[in-house]
Amino acid sequence: MLATLSTLALTGIEAKPVKVEVDIQNGLPNFDEVGMKVGMDIKV
Protein backbone atom coordinates (compact mmCIF):
# COMPACT_ATOMS: atom_id res chain seq x y z
CA MET A 1 0.00 0.00 0.00
CA LEU A 2 1.45 3.40 -0.98
CA ALA A 3 0.44 6.64 0.72
CA THR A 4 1.67 10.15 -0.15
CA LEU A 5 1.18 13.32 1.84
CA SER A 6 2.38 16.90 1.71
CA THR A 7 3.44 18.73 4.85
CA LEU A 8 5.73 21.54 5.99
CA ALA A 9 9.10 21.55 7.75
CA LEU A 10 9.91 24.54 9.93
CA THR A 11 13.31 26.16 9.42
CA GLY A 12 13.50 29.07 11.83
CA ILE A 13 10.44 31.17 11.00
CA GLU A 14 10.15 29.79 7.46
CA ALA A 15 8.11 26.75 6.44
CA LYS A 16 9.40 24.63 3.56
CA PRO A 17 7.20 22.12 1.71
CA VAL A 18 8.01 18.42 2.21
CA LYS A 19 6.59 15.43 0.34
CA VAL A 20 6.36 12.18 2.34
CA GLU A 21 5.79 8.77 0.75
CA VAL A 22 5.05 5.64 2.80
CA ASP A 23 4.91 2.09 1.45
CA ILE A 24 3.71 -0.71 3.73
CA GLN A 25 4.65 -4.24 2.67
CA ASN A 26 4.95 -7.68 4.22
CA GLY A 27 8.44 -8.70 5.29
CA LEU A 28 11.14 -7.47 7.62
CA PRO A 29 10.85 -3.96 9.13
CA ASN A 30 12.82 -1.43 7.09
CA PHE A 31 13.30 2.36 7.15
CA ASP A 32 14.87 4.25 4.22
CA GLU A 33 15.58 7.98 3.95
CA VAL A 34 15.92 9.30 0.42
CA GLY A 35 16.86 12.78 -0.74
CA MET A 36 17.96 14.19 2.62
CA LYS A 37 19.93 17.39 2.54
CA VAL A 38 23.51 17.12 3.85
CA GLY A 39 23.78 18.42 7.42
CA MET A 40 20.02 18.25 8.02
CA ASP A 41 19.14 17.05 11.54
CA ILE A 42 16.00 15.01 12.18
CA LYS A 43 14.77 14.61 15.73
CA VAL A 44 12.30 11.83 16.44
PDB file of N, CA and C in Angstrom:
ATOM      1  N   MET A   1       0.843  -1.158   0.000  1.00  0.00           N
ATOM      2  CA  MET A   1       0.000   0.000   0.000  1.00  0.00           C
ATOM      3  C   MET A   1       0.904   1.241   0.000  1.00  0.00           C
ATOM      4  N   LEU A   2       0.658   2.182  -0.881  1.00  0.00           N
ATOM      5  CA  LEU A   2       1.452   3.395  -0.980  1.00  0.00           C
ATOM      6  C   LEU A   2       0.590   4.585  -0.575  1.00  0.00           C
ATOM      7  N   ALA A   3       1.126   5.420   0.303  1.00  0.00           N
ATOM      8  CA  ALA A   3       0.438   6.644   0.717  1.00  0.00           C
ATOM      9  C   ALA A   3       1.398   7.812   0.526  1.00  0.00           C
ATOM     10  N   THR A   4       0.873   8.940   0.063  1.00  0.00           N
ATOM     11  CA  THR A   4       1.668  10.148  -0.145  1.00  0.00           C
ATOM     12  C   THR A   4       0.970  11.306   0.540  1.00  0.00           C
ATOM     13  N   LEU A   5       1.768  12.138   1.226  1.00  0.00           N
ATOM     14  CA  LEU A   5       1.185  13.324   1.842  1.00  0.00           C
ATOM     15  C   LEU A   5       2.144  14.486   1.723  1.00  0.00           C
ATOM     16  N   SER A   6       1.584  15.674   1.758  1.00  0.00           N
ATOM     17  CA  SER A   6       2.384  16.899   1.707  1.00  0.00           C
ATOM     18  C   SER A   6       2.277  17.588   3.055  1.00  0.00           C
ATOM     19  N   THR A   7       3.404  18.070   3.550  1.00  0.00           N
ATOM     20  CA  THR A   7       3.443  18.732   4.847  1.00  0.00           C
ATOM     21  C   THR A   7       4.487  19.839   4.791  1.00  0.00           C
ATOM     22  N   LEU A   8       4.760  20.455   5.916  1.00  0.00           N
ATOM     23  CA  LEU A   8       5.734  21.536   5.985  1.00  0.00           C
ATOM     24  C   LEU A   8       6.779  21.233   7.040  1.00  0.00           C
ATOM     25  N   ALA A   9       8.011  21.660   6.776  1.00  0.00           N
ATOM     26  CA  ALA A   9       9.096  21.545   7.750  1.00  0.00           C
ATOM     27  C   ALA A   9       9.487  22.962   8.154  1.00  0.00           C
ATOM     28  N   LEU A  10       9.541  23.209   9.454  1.00  0.00           N
ATOM     29  CA  LEU A  10       9.907  24.540   9.934  1.00  0.00           C
ATOM     30  C   LEU A  10      11.418  24.693   9.972  1.00  0.00           C
ATOM     31  N   THR A  11      11.895  25.790   9.388  1.00  0.00           N
ATOM     32  CA  THR A  11      13.307  26.158   9.417  1.00  0.00           C
ATOM     33  C   THR A  11      13.356  27.588   9.938  1.00  0.00           C
ATOM     34  N   GLY A  12      13.577  27.735  11.229  1.00  0.00           N
ATOM     35  CA  GLY A  12      13.502  29.070  11.832  1.00  0.00           C
ATOM     36  C   GLY A  12      12.067  29.550  11.791  1.00  0.00           C
ATOM     37  N   ILE A  13      11.821  30.676  11.118  1.00  0.00           N
ATOM     38  CA  ILE A  13      10.443  31.169  10.995  1.00  0.00           C
ATOM     39  C   ILE A  13       9.860  30.870   9.621  1.00  0.00           C
ATOM     40  N   GLU A  14      10.615  30.160   8.781  1.00  0.00           N
ATOM     41  CA  GLU A  14      10.146  29.789   7.455  1.00  0.00           C
ATOM     42  C   GLU A  14       9.618  28.357   7.450  1.00  0.00           C
ATOM     43  N   ALA A  15       8.633  28.108   6.626  1.00  0.00           N
ATOM     44  CA  ALA A  15       8.110  26.753   6.445  1.00  0.00           C
ATOM     45  C   ALA A  15       8.413  26.313   5.021  1.00  0.00           C
ATOM     46  N   LYS A  16       9.050  25.148   4.874  1.00  0.00           N
ATOM     47  CA  LYS A  16       9.403  24.633   3.556  1.00  0.00           C
ATOM     48  C   LYS A  16       8.557  23.390   3.270  1.00  0.00           C
ATOM     49  N   PRO A  17       8.036  23.276   2.044  1.00  0.00           N
ATOM     50  CA  PRO A  17       7.198  22.122   1.711  1.00  0.00           C
ATOM     51  C   PRO A  17       8.010  20.818   1.685  1.00  0.00           C
ATOM     52  N   VAL A  18       7.384  19.744   2.182  1.00  0.00           N
ATOM     53  CA  VAL A  18       8.010  18.422   2.210  1.00  0.00           C
ATOM     54  C   VAL A  18       6.990  17.406   1.701  1.00  0.00           C
ATOM     55  N   LYS A  19       7.435  16.509   0.835  1.00  0.00           N
ATOM     56  CA  LYS A  19       6.586  15.429   0.338  1.00  0.00           C
ATOM     57  C   LYS A  19       7.017  14.134   1.020  1.00  0.00           C
ATOM     58  N   VAL A  20       6.078  13.422   1.626  1.00  0.00           N
ATOM     59  CA  VAL A  20       6.365  12.182   2.344  1.00  0.00           C
ATOM     60  C   VAL A  20       5.642  11.042   1.643  1.00  0.00           C
ATOM     61  N   GLU A  21       6.376   9.963   1.359  1.00  0.00           N
ATOM     62  CA  GLU A  21       5.791   8.769   0.753  1.00  0.00           C
ATOM     63  C   GLU A  21       6.024   7.583   1.678  1.00  0.00           C
ATOM     64  N   VAL A  22       4.978   6.800   1.913  1.00  0.00           N
ATOM     65  CA  VAL A  22       5.052   5.642   2.797  1.00  0.00           C
ATOM     66  C   VAL A  22       4.543   4.424   2.040  1.00  0.00           C
ATOM     67  N   ASP A  23       5.317   3.346   2.084  1.00  0.00           N
ATOM     68  CA  ASP A  23       4.912   2.094   1.448  1.00  0.00           C
ATOM     69  C   ASP A  23       4.940   0.994   2.504  1.00  0.00           C
ATOM     70  N   ILE A  24       3.811   0.353   2.726  1.00  0.00           N
ATOM     71  CA  ILE A  24       3.711  -0.708   3.727  1.00  0.00           C
ATOM     72  C   ILE A  24       3.638  -2.048   2.998  1.00  0.00           C
ATOM     73  N   GLN A  25       4.602  -2.935   3.304  1.00  0.00           N
ATOM     74  CA  GLN A  25       4.650  -4.244   2.668  1.00  0.00           C
ATOM     75  C   GLN A  25       4.907  -5.315   3.719  1.00  0.00           C
ATOM     76  N   ASN A  26       4.612  -6.548   3.353  1.00  0.00           N
ATOM     77  CA  ASN A  26       4.950  -7.681   4.218  1.00  0.00           C
ATOM     78  C   ASN A  26       6.460  -7.897   4.170  1.00  0.00           C
ATOM     79  N   GLY A  27       7.012  -8.416   5.253  1.00  0.00           N
ATOM     80  CA  GLY A  27       8.443  -8.702   5.287  1.00  0.00           C
ATOM     81  C   GLY A  27       9.088  -8.109   6.525  1.00  0.00           C
ATOM     82  N   LEU A  28      10.403  -8.000   6.489  1.00  0.00           N
ATOM     83  CA  LEU A  28      11.138  -7.468   7.624  1.00  0.00           C
ATOM     84  C   LEU A  28      10.964  -5.952   7.728  1.00  0.00           C
ATOM     85  N   PRO A  29      10.958  -5.414   8.958  1.00  0.00           N
ATOM     86  CA  PRO A  29      10.853  -3.963   9.126  1.00  0.00           C
ATOM     87  C   PRO A  29      12.047  -3.264   8.468  1.00  0.00           C
ATOM     88  N   ASN A  30      11.782  -2.148   7.809  1.00  0.00           N
ATOM     89  CA  ASN A  30      12.820  -1.428   7.090  1.00  0.00           C
ATOM     90  C   ASN A  30      12.484   0.051   7.081  1.00  0.00           C
ATOM     91  N   PHE A  31      13.496   0.912   7.165  1.00  0.00           N
ATOM     92  CA  PHE A  31      13.298   2.358   7.146  1.00  0.00           C
ATOM     93  C   PHE A  31      14.359   2.965   6.233  1.00  0.00           C
ATOM     94  N   ASP A  32      13.940   3.632   5.164  1.00  0.00           N
ATOM     95  CA  ASP A  32      14.871   4.254   4.222  1.00  0.00           C
ATOM     96  C   ASP A  32      14.599   5.752   4.151  1.00  0.00           C
ATOM     97  N   GLU A  33      15.683   6.534   4.148  1.00  0.00           N
ATOM     98  CA  GLU A  33      15.578   7.976   3.954  1.00  0.00           C
ATOM     99  C   GLU A  33      16.196   8.290   2.603  1.00  0.00           C
ATOM    100  N   VAL A  34      15.454   8.991   1.762  1.00  0.00           N
ATOM    101  CA  VAL A  34      15.918   9.297   0.418  1.00  0.00           C
ATOM    102  C   VAL A  34      15.833  10.802   0.197  1.00  0.00           C
ATOM    103  N   GLY A  35      16.883  11.376  -0.379  1.00  0.00           N
ATOM    104  CA  GLY A  35      16.857  12.783  -0.739  1.00  0.00           C
ATOM    105  C   GLY A  35      17.061  13.739   0.419  1.00  0.00           C
ATOM    106  N   MET A  36      17.716  13.287   1.492  1.00  0.00           N
ATOM    107  CA  MET A  36      17.962  14.189   2.618  1.00  0.00           C
ATOM    108  C   MET A  36      19.083  15.157   2.295  1.00  0.00           C
ATOM    109  N   LYS A  37      18.925  16.365   2.731  1.00  0.00           N
ATOM    110  CA  LYS A  37      19.927  17.395   2.537  1.00  0.00           C
ATOM    111  C   LYS A  37      21.104  17.128   3.483  1.00  0.00           C
ATOM    112  N   VAL A  38      22.326  17.346   3.035  1.00  0.00           N
ATOM    113  CA  VAL A  38      23.511  17.119   3.850  1.00  0.00           C
ATOM    114  C   VAL A  38      23.496  18.092   5.024  1.00  0.00           C
ATOM    115  N   GLY A  39      23.747  17.575   6.217  1.00  0.00           N
ATOM    116  CA  GLY A  39      23.779  18.419   7.421  1.00  0.00           C
ATOM    117  C   GLY A  39      22.408  18.665   8.029  1.00  0.00           C
ATOM    118  N   MET A  40      21.361  18.050   7.492  1.00  0.00           N
ATOM    119  CA  MET A  40      20.020  18.246   8.022  1.00  0.00           C
ATOM    120  C   MET A  40      19.814  17.319   9.211  1.00  0.00           C
ATOM    121  N   ASP A  41      19.368  17.843  10.340  1.00  0.00           N
ATOM    122  CA  ASP A  41      19.136  17.052  11.541  1.00  0.00           C
ATOM    123  C   ASP A  41      17.649  16.703  11.644  1.00  0.00           C
ATOM    124  N   ILE A  42      17.373  15.447  11.940  1.00  0.00           N
ATOM    125  CA  ILE A  42      15.998  15.012  12.183  1.00  0.00           C
ATOM    126  C   ILE A  42      15.914  14.521  13.613  1.00  0.00           C
ATOM    127  N   LYS A  43      14.971  15.029  14.342  1.00  0.00           N
ATOM    128  CA  LYS A  43      14.774  14.610  15.732  1.00  0.00           C
ATOM    129  C   LYS A  43      13.458  13.881  15.824  1.00  0.00           C
ATOM    130  N   VAL A  44      13.505  12.657  16.323  1.00  0.00           N
ATOM    131  CA  VAL A  44      12.301  11.828  16.441  1.00  0.00           C
ATOM    132  C   VAL A  44      11.936  11.719  17.896  1.00  0.00           C
TER     133      VAL A  44
END
